[in-house]
Amino acid sequence: MPRSHRRRPESSGDDSFERLLAGWKRTETRRGVEWTVQPVSAAQAQKQYTCPGCGGQIDVGIAHVVTWRADGVLGDAADLAARRHWHQHCWKVA
């Protein structure tokens, strides 16, 4: 198979570092419930969502977090299907 002679776009170090950090999941406990929290970078935010904390819109291109129950009470598939997108500041005060 012949090789492609096209130049591949070079990504900046900051861009790849942001993508790496954006994928890091963590577990937090809120009101006795364990939650998985995954940051979404501005570059990864491709859809509009409604924040359950304030009821406002999270527009395309706005960094935010996605949360879902980590305790598996309803089963992993159901917990993941019930995930919600929050403004970062709304999640911090929830």
N, C-alpha and C. Protein backbone atom coordinates (compact mmCIF):
# COMPACT_ATOMS: atom_id res chain seq x y z
N MET A 1 0.85 -1.17 0.00
CA MET A 1 0.00 0.00 0.00
C MET A 1 0.90 1.24 0.00
N PRO A 2 0.67 2.16 -0.93
CA PRO A 2 1.52 3.35 -0.99
C PRO A 2 1.31 4.27 0.20
N ARG A 3 2.38 4.96 0.52
CA ARG A 3 2.31 5.91 1.63
C ARG A 3 1.71 7.22 1.17
N SER A 4 1.06 7.86 2.09
CA SER A 4 0.50 9.18 1.80
C SER A 4 1.60 10.22 1.97
N HIS A 5 1.66 11.16 1.04
CA HIS A 5 2.67 12.21 1.13
C HIS A 5 2.09 13.50 1.67
N ARG A 6 0.86 13.44 2.13
CA ARG A 6 0.25 14.63 2.71
C ARG A 6 0.82 14.90 4.08
N ARG A 7 0.98 16.17 4.39
CA ARG A 7 1.44 16.54 5.73
C ARG A 7 0.28 16.45 6.68
N ARG A 8 0.51 15.91 7.82
CA ARG A 8 -0.52 15.83 8.85
C ARG A 8 -0.47 17.11 9.68
N PRO A 9 -1.64 17.61 10.04
CA PRO A 9 -1.63 18.83 10.87
C PRO A 9 -0.99 18.54 12.22
N GLU A 10 -0.16 19.46 12.63
CA GLU A 10 0.48 19.31 13.93
C GLU A 10 -0.39 19.94 14.99
N SER A 11 -0.60 19.22 16.08
CA SER A 11 -1.40 19.78 17.16
C SER A 11 -0.46 20.47 18.13
N SER A 12 -0.94 21.55 18.69
CA SER A 12 -0.13 22.25 19.67
C SER A 12 -0.08 21.43 20.95
N GLY A 13 0.96 21.60 21.72
CA GLY A 13 1.09 20.88 22.98
C GLY A 13 -0.05 21.18 23.92
N ASP A 14 -0.52 22.43 23.93
CA ASP A 14 -1.62 22.81 24.83
C ASP A 14 -2.90 22.08 24.46
N ASP A 15 -3.16 21.93 23.17
CA ASP A 15 -4.38 21.28 22.70
C ASP A 15 -4.39 19.81 23.14
N SER A 16 -3.30 19.10 22.94
CA SER A 16 -3.27 17.69 23.30
C SER A 16 -3.32 17.52 24.82
N PHE A 17 -2.71 18.44 25.55
CA PHE A 17 -2.76 18.37 27.01
C PHE A 17 -4.18 18.61 27.50
N GLU A 18 -4.90 19.56 26.88
CA GLU A 18 -6.29 19.82 27.26
C GLU A 18 -7.15 18.60 26.99
N ARG A 19 -6.93 17.93 25.84
CA ARG A 19 -7.69 16.72 25.53
C ARG A 19 -7.41 15.62 26.53
N LEU A 20 -6.16 15.50 26.95
CA LEU A 20 -5.79 14.48 27.94
C LEU A 20 -6.49 14.75 29.27
N LEU A 21 -6.46 15.99 29.73
CA LEU A 21 -7.10 16.33 30.99
C LEU A 21 -8.61 16.18 30.91
N ALA A 22 -9.20 16.48 29.77
CA ALA A 22 -10.65 16.43 29.62
C ALA A 22 -11.19 15.03 29.79
N GLY A 23 -10.39 14.02 29.51
CA GLY A 23 -10.87 12.66 29.62
C GLY A 23 -10.77 12.05 31.00
N TRP A 24 -10.19 12.75 31.95
CA TRP A 24 -9.99 12.19 33.28
C TRP A 24 -11.27 12.17 34.07
N LYS A 25 -11.69 10.98 34.43
CA LYS A 25 -12.88 10.82 35.26
C LYS A 25 -12.45 10.79 36.72
N ARG A 26 -13.35 11.24 37.56
CA ARG A 26 -13.10 11.17 39.00
C ARG A 26 -14.41 10.79 39.68
N THR A 27 -14.30 10.36 40.91
CA THR A 27 -15.48 10.01 41.68
C THR A 27 -15.64 11.03 42.81
N GLU A 28 -16.85 11.54 42.97
CA GLU A 28 -17.16 12.50 44.03
C GLU A 28 -18.38 11.99 44.78
N THR A 29 -18.45 12.34 46.06
CA THR A 29 -19.60 11.98 46.87
C THR A 29 -20.40 13.24 47.17
N ARG A 30 -21.69 13.21 46.83
CA ARG A 30 -22.61 14.32 47.10
C ARG A 30 -23.82 13.78 47.81
N ARG A 31 -24.10 14.32 49.00
CA ARG A 31 -25.27 13.91 49.78
C ARG A 31 -25.35 12.39 49.94
N GLY A 32 -24.20 11.77 50.19
CA GLY A 32 -24.16 10.34 50.43
C GLY A 32 -24.23 9.47 49.18
N VAL A 33 -24.19 10.07 48.00
CA VAL A 33 -24.26 9.32 46.74
C VAL A 33 -22.94 9.50 45.99
N GLU A 34 -22.38 8.41 45.48
CA GLU A 34 -21.16 8.50 44.69
C GLU A 34 -21.50 8.81 43.24
N TRP A 35 -20.79 9.79 42.67
CA TRP A 35 -20.99 10.22 41.29
C TRP A 35 -19.68 10.12 40.53
N THR A 36 -19.76 9.70 39.28
CA THR A 36 -18.63 9.78 38.37
C THR A 36 -18.75 11.13 37.68
N VAL A 37 -17.65 11.88 37.66
CA VAL A 37 -17.63 13.21 37.06
C VAL A 37 -16.56 13.22 35.98
N GLN A 38 -16.94 13.58 34.76
CA GLN A 38 -15.99 13.64 33.66
C GLN A 38 -16.05 15.02 33.01
N PRO A 39 -14.93 15.73 33.02
CA PRO A 39 -14.89 17.04 32.37
C PRO A 39 -15.01 16.91 30.85
N VAL A 40 -15.65 17.88 30.23
CA VAL A 40 -15.75 17.97 28.77
C VAL A 40 -15.12 19.31 28.38
N SER A 41 -14.09 19.27 27.54
CA SER A 41 -13.42 20.50 27.13
C SER A 41 -14.30 21.26 26.15
N ALA A 42 -13.98 22.52 25.94
CA ALA A 42 -14.73 23.34 24.99
C ALA A 42 -14.66 22.74 23.58
N ALA A 43 -13.51 22.18 23.22
CA ALA A 43 -13.36 21.58 21.90
C ALA A 43 -14.22 20.33 21.74
N GLN A 44 -14.46 19.62 22.83
CA GLN A 44 -15.26 18.39 22.77
C GLN A 44 -16.75 18.64 22.88
N ALA A 45 -17.15 19.84 23.30
CA ALA A 45 -18.56 20.15 23.52
C ALA A 45 -19.24 20.43 22.18
N GLN A 46 -19.84 19.41 21.61
CA GLN A 46 -20.40 19.50 20.26
C GLN A 46 -21.92 19.59 20.20
N LYS A 47 -22.58 19.49 21.35
CA LYS A 47 -24.04 19.56 21.39
C LYS A 47 -24.47 20.53 22.48
N GLN A 48 -25.70 20.98 22.39
CA GLN A 48 -26.27 21.86 23.41
C GLN A 48 -27.02 21.01 24.44
N TYR A 49 -26.88 21.37 25.71
CA TYR A 49 -27.54 20.65 26.80
C TYR A 49 -28.20 21.64 27.74
N THR A 50 -29.11 21.15 28.56
CA THR A 50 -29.73 21.96 29.61
C THR A 50 -29.13 21.52 30.94
N CYS A 51 -28.58 22.47 31.69
CA CYS A 51 -27.97 22.19 32.98
C CYS A 51 -29.06 21.92 34.02
N PRO A 52 -29.02 20.78 34.71
CA PRO A 52 -30.04 20.51 35.73
C PRO A 52 -29.88 21.38 36.98
N GLY A 53 -28.73 22.01 37.14
CA GLY A 53 -28.50 22.86 38.30
C GLY A 53 -29.20 24.19 38.23
N CYS A 54 -29.11 24.85 37.07
CA CYS A 54 -29.69 26.19 36.93
C CYS A 54 -30.79 26.26 35.88
N GLY A 55 -30.93 25.21 35.09
CA GLY A 55 -31.94 25.21 34.03
C GLY A 55 -31.52 25.98 32.79
N GLY A 56 -30.30 26.53 32.81
CA GLY A 56 -29.79 27.28 31.66
C GLY A 56 -29.18 26.38 30.61
N GLN A 57 -28.91 26.96 29.45
CA GLN A 57 -28.34 26.21 28.35
C GLN A 57 -26.82 26.12 28.47
N ILE A 58 -26.27 24.97 28.13
CA ILE A 58 -24.84 24.80 27.95
C ILE A 58 -24.65 24.75 26.44
N ASP A 59 -24.13 25.82 25.89
CA ASP A 59 -24.02 25.94 24.43
C ASP A 59 -22.84 25.13 23.89
N VAL A 60 -22.86 24.91 22.58
CA VAL A 60 -21.77 24.25 21.89
C VAL A 60 -20.50 25.06 22.14
N GLY A 61 -19.40 24.39 22.43
CA GLY A 61 -18.13 25.06 22.64
C GLY A 61 -17.89 25.55 24.06
N ILE A 62 -18.78 25.22 24.99
CA ILE A 62 -18.62 25.62 26.39
C ILE A 62 -18.15 24.41 27.21
N ALA A 63 -17.04 24.55 27.89
CA ALA A 63 -16.53 23.46 28.75
C ALA A 63 -17.52 23.23 29.89
N HIS A 64 -17.72 21.97 30.25
CA HIS A 64 -18.66 21.61 31.31
C HIS A 64 -18.29 20.23 31.86
N VAL A 65 -19.11 19.68 32.72
CA VAL A 65 -18.88 18.33 33.25
C VAL A 65 -20.09 17.45 33.00
N VAL A 66 -19.83 16.16 32.86
CA VAL A 66 -20.88 15.16 32.72
C VAL A 66 -20.83 14.31 33.98
N THR A 67 -21.99 14.06 34.59
CA THR A 67 -22.04 13.28 35.82
C THR A 67 -23.03 12.14 35.69
N TRP A 68 -22.74 11.04 36.38
CA TRP A 68 -23.68 9.93 36.50
C TRP A 68 -23.36 9.18 37.78
N ARG A 69 -24.35 8.48 38.30
CA ARG A 69 -24.18 7.74 39.55
C ARG A 69 -23.10 6.69 39.39
N ALA A 70 -22.25 6.58 40.38
CA ALA A 70 -21.16 5.61 40.33
C ALA A 70 -21.42 4.41 41.21
N ASP A 71 -22.52 4.42 41.96
CA ASP A 71 -22.76 3.34 42.91
C ASP A 71 -23.48 2.14 42.29
N GLY A 72 -23.94 2.26 41.06
CA GLY A 72 -24.54 1.13 40.38
C GLY A 72 -25.86 0.65 40.94
N VAL A 73 -26.59 1.50 41.66
CA VAL A 73 -27.87 1.11 42.25
C VAL A 73 -28.84 0.62 41.17
N LEU A 74 -28.88 1.31 40.06
CA LEU A 74 -29.79 0.94 38.98
C LEU A 74 -29.12 0.08 37.91
N GLY A 75 -27.84 -0.23 38.11
CA GLY A 75 -27.07 -0.95 37.10
C GLY A 75 -26.26 0.04 36.28
N ASP A 76 -25.11 -0.39 35.84
CA ASP A 76 -24.20 0.50 35.12
C ASP A 76 -24.82 1.12 33.87
N ALA A 77 -25.54 0.32 33.08
CA ALA A 77 -26.13 0.84 31.84
C ALA A 77 -27.17 1.91 32.14
N ALA A 78 -28.01 1.68 33.13
CA ALA A 78 -29.05 2.66 33.49
C ALA A 78 -28.42 3.93 34.06
N ASP A 79 -27.39 3.77 34.90
CA ASP A 79 -26.72 4.94 35.47
C ASP A 79 -26.08 5.78 34.38
N LEU A 80 -25.42 5.12 33.43
CA LEU A 80 -24.77 5.85 32.34
C LEU A 80 -25.81 6.52 31.44
N ALA A 81 -26.93 5.86 31.20
CA ALA A 81 -27.99 6.45 30.37
C ALA A 81 -28.62 7.66 31.05
N ALA A 82 -28.54 7.72 32.37
CA ALA A 82 -29.13 8.83 33.12
C ALA A 82 -28.12 9.95 33.39
N ARG A 83 -26.99 9.95 32.69
CA ARG A 83 -25.97 10.98 32.92
C ARG A 83 -26.51 12.36 32.55
N ARG A 84 -25.96 13.37 33.20
CA ARG A 84 -26.40 14.74 32.99
C ARG A 84 -25.20 15.65 32.78
N HIS A 85 -25.39 16.68 31.96
CA HIS A 85 -24.36 17.67 31.66
C HIS A 85 -24.63 18.91 32.51
N TRP A 86 -23.62 19.35 33.26
CA TRP A 86 -23.74 20.48 34.18
C TRP A 86 -22.73 21.56 33.82
N HIS A 87 -23.08 22.82 34.07
CA HIS A 87 -22.07 23.88 34.08
C HIS A 87 -21.10 23.53 35.20
N GLN A 88 -19.83 23.83 35.03
CA GLN A 88 -18.85 23.49 36.07
C GLN A 88 -19.19 24.14 37.39
N HIS A 89 -19.57 25.42 37.36
CA HIS A 89 -19.87 26.12 38.62
C HIS A 89 -21.15 25.61 39.26
N CYS A 90 -22.13 25.18 38.47
CA CYS A 90 -23.36 24.64 39.04
C CYS A 90 -23.09 23.32 39.75
N TRP A 91 -22.22 22.48 39.17
CA TRP A 91 -21.90 21.21 39.82
C TRP A 91 -21.17 21.43 41.13
N LYS A 92 -20.28 22.44 41.18
CA LYS A 92 -19.52 22.71 42.40
C LYS A 92 -20.42 23.10 43.57
N VAL A 93 -21.52 23.77 43.30
CA VAL A 93 -22.38 24.24 44.38
C VAL A 93 -23.57 23.31 44.62
N ALA A 94 -23.70 22.28 43.80
CA ALA A 94 -24.85 21.36 43.95
C ALA A 94 -24.74 20.53 45.20
